């Protein structure tokens, strides 16, 4: 469960970073 939670957080963090970069570039 902990590993799954960590992986989910990592994916969410990556998604947030990409979204932020896209907003900045716009």
PDB file of N, CA and C in Angstrom:
ATOM      1  N   UNK A   1       0.849  -1.207   0.000  1.00  0.00           N
ATOM      2  CA  UNK A   1       0.000   0.000   0.000  1.00  0.00           C
ATOM      3  C   UNK A   1       0.882   1.254   0.000  1.00  0.00           C
ATOM      4  N   UNK A   2       1.907   1.272   0.826  1.00  0.00           N
ATOM      5  CA  UNK A   2       2.790   2.443   0.898  1.00  0.00           C
ATOM      6  C   UNK A   2       3.452   2.684  -0.459  1.00  0.00           C
ATOM      7  N   UNK A   3       3.874   1.606  -1.107  1.00  0.00           N
ATOM      8  CA  UNK A   3       4.542   1.756  -2.405  1.00  0.00           C
ATOM      9  C   UNK A   3       3.564   2.331  -3.420  1.00  0.00           C
ATOM     10  N   UNK A   4       2.322   1.852  -3.385  1.00  0.00           N
ATOM     11  CA  UNK A   4       1.319   2.346  -4.330  1.00  0.00           C
ATOM     12  C   UNK A   4       1.059   3.822  -4.070  1.00  0.00           C
ATOM     13  N   UNK A   5       0.969   4.196  -2.812  1.00  0.00           N
ATOM     14  CA  UNK A   5       0.711   5.595  -2.463  1.00  0.00           C
ATOM     15  C   UNK A   5       1.870   6.468  -2.933  1.00  0.00           C
ATOM     16  N   UNK A   6       3.088   6.005  -2.728  1.00  0.00           N
ATOM     17  CA  UNK A   6       4.261   6.780  -3.145  1.00  0.00           C
ATOM     18  C   UNK A   6       4.261   6.950  -4.658  1.00  0.00           C
ATOM     19  N   UNK A   7       3.948   5.882  -5.370  1.00  0.00           N
ATOM     20  CA  UNK A   7       3.941   5.948  -6.837  1.00  0.00           C
ATOM     21  C   UNK A   7       2.870   6.929  -7.296  1.00  0.00           C
ATOM     22  N   UNK A   8       1.705   6.888  -6.672  1.00  0.00           N
ATOM     23  CA  UNK A   8       0.614   7.792  -7.039  1.00  0.00           C
ATOM     24  C   UNK A   8       1.035   9.239  -6.806  1.00  0.00           C
ATOM     25  N   UNK A   9       1.685   9.492  -5.677  1.00  0.00           N
ATOM     26  CA  UNK A   9       2.125  10.856  -5.369  1.00  0.00           C
ATOM     27  C   UNK A   9       3.149  11.316  -6.394  1.00  0.00           C
ATOM     28  N   UNK A  10       4.055  10.420  -6.782  1.00  0.00           N
ATOM     29  CA  UNK A  10       5.095  10.770  -7.756  1.00  0.00           C
ATOM     30  C   UNK A  10       4.450  11.125  -9.095  1.00  0.00           C
ATOM     31  N   UNK A  11       3.459  10.340  -9.503  1.00  0.00           N
ATOM     32  CA  UNK A  11       2.771  10.610 -10.775  1.00  0.00           C
ATOM     33  C   UNK A  11       2.028  11.939 -10.683  1.00  0.00           C
ATOM     34  N   UNK A  12       1.354  12.166  -9.569  1.00  0.00           N
ATOM     35  CA  UNK A  12       0.605  13.416  -9.398  1.00  0.00           C
ATOM     36  C   UNK A  12       1.560  14.601  -9.421  1.00  0.00           C
ATOM     37  N   UNK A  13       2.721  14.457  -8.793  1.00  0.00           N
ATOM     38  CA  UNK A  13       3.695  15.545  -8.754  1.00  0.00           C
ATOM     39  C   UNK A  13       4.179  15.849 -10.160  1.00  0.00           C
ATOM     40  N   UNK A  14       4.474  14.791 -10.922  1.00  0.00           N
ATOM     41  CA  UNK A  14       4.949  14.984 -12.296  1.00  0.00           C
ATOM     42  C   UNK A  14       3.881  15.673 -13.126  1.00  0.00           C
ATOM     43  N   UNK A  15       2.630  15.255 -12.948  1.00  0.00           N
ATOM     44  CA  UNK A  15       1.530  15.857 -13.701  1.00  0.00           C
ATOM     45  C   UNK A  15       1.406  17.332 -13.350  1.00  0.00           C
ATOM     46  N   UNK A  16       1.515  17.654 -12.068  1.00  0.00           N
ATOM     47  CA  UNK A  16       1.414  19.050 -11.630  1.00  0.00           C
ATOM     48  C   UNK A  16       2.534  19.873 -12.253  1.00  0.00           C
ATOM     49  N   UNK A  17       3.739  19.331 -12.264  1.00  0.00           N
ATOM     50  CA  UNK A  17       4.879  20.066 -12.828  1.00  0.00           C
ATOM     51  C   UNK A  17       4.633  20.349 -14.301  1.00  0.00           C
ATOM     52  N   UNK A  18       4.162  19.342 -15.036  1.00  0.00           N
ATOM     53  CA  UNK A  18       3.920  19.532 -16.466  1.00  0.00           C
ATOM     54  C   UNK A  18       2.834  20.573 -16.683  1.00  0.00           C
ATOM     55  N   UNK A  19       1.803  20.533 -15.860  1.00  0.00           N
ATOM     56  CA  UNK A  19       0.705  21.495 -15.995  1.00  0.00           C
ATOM     57  C   UNK A  19       1.214  22.907 -15.722  1.00  0.00           C
ATOM     58  N   UNK A  20       2.056  23.050 -14.704  1.00  0.00           N
ATOM     59  CA  UNK A  20       2.601  24.368 -14.374  1.00  0.00           C
ATOM     60  C   UNK A  20       3.465  24.874 -15.523  1.00  0.00           C
ATOM     61  N   UNK A  21       4.312  24.024 -16.064  1.00  0.00           N
ATOM     62  CA  UNK A  21       5.191  24.435 -17.164  1.00  0.00           C
ATOM     63  C   UNK A  21       4.347  24.860 -18.364  1.00  0.00           C
ATOM     64  N   UNK A  22       3.289  24.118 -18.636  1.00  0.00           N
ATOM     65  CA  UNK A  22       2.427  24.451 -19.772  1.00  0.00           C
ATOM     66  C   UNK A  22       1.790  25.818 -19.547  1.00  0.00           C
ATOM     67  N   UNK A  23       1.347  26.086 -18.319  1.00  0.00           N
ATOM     68  CA  UNK A  23       0.711  27.365 -18.017  1.00  0.00           C
ATOM     69  C   UNK A  23       1.714  28.496 -18.167  1.00  0.00           C
ATOM     70  N   UNK A  24       2.947  28.268 -17.733  1.00  0.00           N
ATOM     71  CA  UNK A  24       3.974  29.310 -17.820  1.00  0.00           C
ATOM     72  C   UNK A  24       4.312  29.592 -19.274  1.00  0.00           C
ATOM     73  N   UNK A  25       4.419  28.538 -20.079  1.00  0.00           N
ATOM     74  CA  UNK A  25       4.774  28.715 -21.482  1.00  0.00           C
ATOM     75  C   UNK A  25       3.660  29.431 -22.244  1.00  0.00           C
ATOM     76  N   UNK A  26       2.423  29.201 -21.867  1.00  0.00           N
ATOM     77  CA  UNK A  26       1.300  29.801 -22.583  1.00  0.00           C
ATOM     78  C   UNK A  26       1.419  31.324 -22.589  1.00  0.00           C
TER      79      UNK A  26
END
